[in-house]
Protein backbone atom coordinates (compact mmCIF):
# COMPACT_ATOMS: atom_id res chain seq x y z
CA MET A 1 10.79 17.25 11.96
CA PRO A 2 6.90 17.87 13.02
CA ILE A 3 4.28 14.86 12.74
CA ARG A 4 1.25 15.70 9.99
CA THR A 5 -2.27 14.47 10.39
CA LEU A 6 -4.14 13.33 7.24
CA LYS A 7 -6.24 16.12 7.60
CA SER A 8 -3.41 18.56 7.38
CA MET A 9 -1.73 16.98 4.65
CA LEU A 10 -5.21 17.07 2.32
CA ALA A 11 -5.38 20.41 3.48
CA ASP A 12 -2.21 21.54 1.60
CA GLY A 13 -2.67 18.93 -1.37
CA GLY A 14 -0.65 16.12 0.05
CA ILE A 15 -1.19 12.76 -0.88
CA PRO A 16 -4.96 13.06 -1.68
CA ASP A 17 -5.14 9.58 -3.02
CA ALA A 18 -3.96 7.99 0.11
CA GLY A 19 -6.56 10.04 2.52
CA LYS A 20 -9.20 9.29 -0.41
CA ALA A 21 -8.44 5.38 -0.12
CA LEU A 22 -8.29 5.57 3.82
CA ASN A 23 -11.62 7.32 3.86
CA MET A 24 -13.23 4.69 1.73
CA GLU A 25 -12.07 1.95 4.00
CA ILE A 26 -13.06 3.71 7.01
CA GLY A 27 -16.51 4.35 5.66
CA SER A 28 -16.81 0.32 4.89
CA LEU A 29 -16.34 -1.08 8.23
CA GLN A 30 -19.07 -3.21 9.68
CA VAL A 31 -20.41 -3.07 13.00
CA GLY A 32 -19.51 -6.19 15.16
CA ALA A 33 -16.57 -7.15 12.71
CA THR A 34 -13.12 -7.40 14.13
CA TYR A 35 -10.26 -5.47 12.40
CA ARG A 36 -6.35 -4.90 12.90
CA ILE A 37 -5.94 -0.88 13.50
CA ALA A 38 -2.66 0.62 12.98
CA THR A 39 -2.05 4.25 14.28
CA LYS A 40 0.36 6.67 13.45
CA ASP A 41 3.03 8.31 15.62
CA TRP A 42 2.11 11.54 17.35
CA LEU A 43 3.21 13.96 19.79
CA SER A 44 1.97 14.32 23.15
CA PRO A 45 0.88 17.69 24.52
CA LEU A 46 4.73 18.01 26.11
CA ASN A 47 6.00 17.36 22.43
CA GLU A 48 6.86 13.97 23.20
CA PRO A 49 6.89 11.57 20.53
CA ILE A 50 4.66 8.89 21.11
CA PRO A 51 4.98 5.89 18.57
CA GLY A 52 1.98 4.25 16.50
CA SER A 53 0.84 0.88 17.54
CA THR A 54 -1.29 -1.86 16.07
CA LYS A 55 -4.05 -3.44 17.90
CA GLU A 56 -7.08 -5.56 16.96
CA ARG A 57 -10.49 -4.01 17.94
CA GLN A 58 -14.16 -4.90 17.30
CA PHE A 59 -16.11 -2.05 15.37
CA VAL A 60 -18.92 -0.64 17.50
CA GLY A 61 -19.72 2.44 15.48
CA TYR A 62 -18.95 6.10 14.11
CA VAL A 63 -19.16 9.10 16.54
CA ASN A 64 -18.86 12.61 15.41
CA GLU A 65 -17.90 15.56 17.66
CA GLY A 66 -17.74 18.95 16.04
CA SER A 67 -15.92 18.30 12.71
CA THR A 68 -14.02 15.47 14.23
CA ARG A 69 -14.96 11.91 13.26
CA PHE A 70 -14.17 9.11 15.76
CA LEU A 71 -14.18 5.27 15.58
CA LYS A 72 -15.91 3.99 18.67
CA LEU A 73 -14.13 0.07 19.20
CA ALA A 74 -14.54 -2.31 21.67
CA ARG A 75 -11.23 -3.85 23.60
CA GLY A 76 -11.32 -7.50 24.28
CA ASP A 77 -12.35 -7.15 27.60
CA GLY A 78 -15.71 -5.36 26.54
CA SER A 79 -14.54 -1.80 27.18
CA ASP A 80 -15.32 1.08 24.69
CA HIS A 81 -12.68 3.72 23.37
CA LEU A 82 -12.69 6.45 20.80
CA LEU A 83 -10.05 6.63 18.14
CA ASP A 84 -9.75 9.76 15.75
CA VAL A 85 -9.67 8.65 12.22
CA ASP A 86 -6.82 11.09 11.65
CA GLN A 87 -4.64 8.82 13.74
CA ILE A 88 -5.12 5.60 11.75
CA ALA A 89 -2.31 4.65 9.43
CA SER A 90 -4.39 1.47 8.19
CA VAL A 91 -7.05 -0.71 8.89
CA SER A 92 -7.42 -4.52 7.74
CA ALA A 93 -10.26 -6.81 8.35
CA LEU A 94 -9.53 -10.25 10.09
CA PRO A 95 -11.14 -13.34 9.25
CA GLU A 96 -14.15 -14.34 11.31
CA GLN A 97 -13.64 -16.43 14.26
CA THR A 98 -15.57 -19.70 14.01
CA GLN A 99 -16.87 -21.25 17.34
CA THR A 100 -16.46 -24.75 18.20
């Protein structure tokens, strides 16, 4: 069974409410805040299934490249990476850390 992206499901009328909720959540991320982000399963260019994962990342900002929107995220080591919003299954805010 092929893995479908949110963009393809919305294009053919599937789960519009889920896409709308995800887009509202994605649009409300706060720069500097830390989130738990779960990604969807996907297929590699060699047609191998790659399981989704859950990571904690600090949100840096949005990057638009053509018609694709990415989140720019910071890892714990300070390095940045991009994540295609179509690959996101869920996002949840983590409580702010207090320094002692």
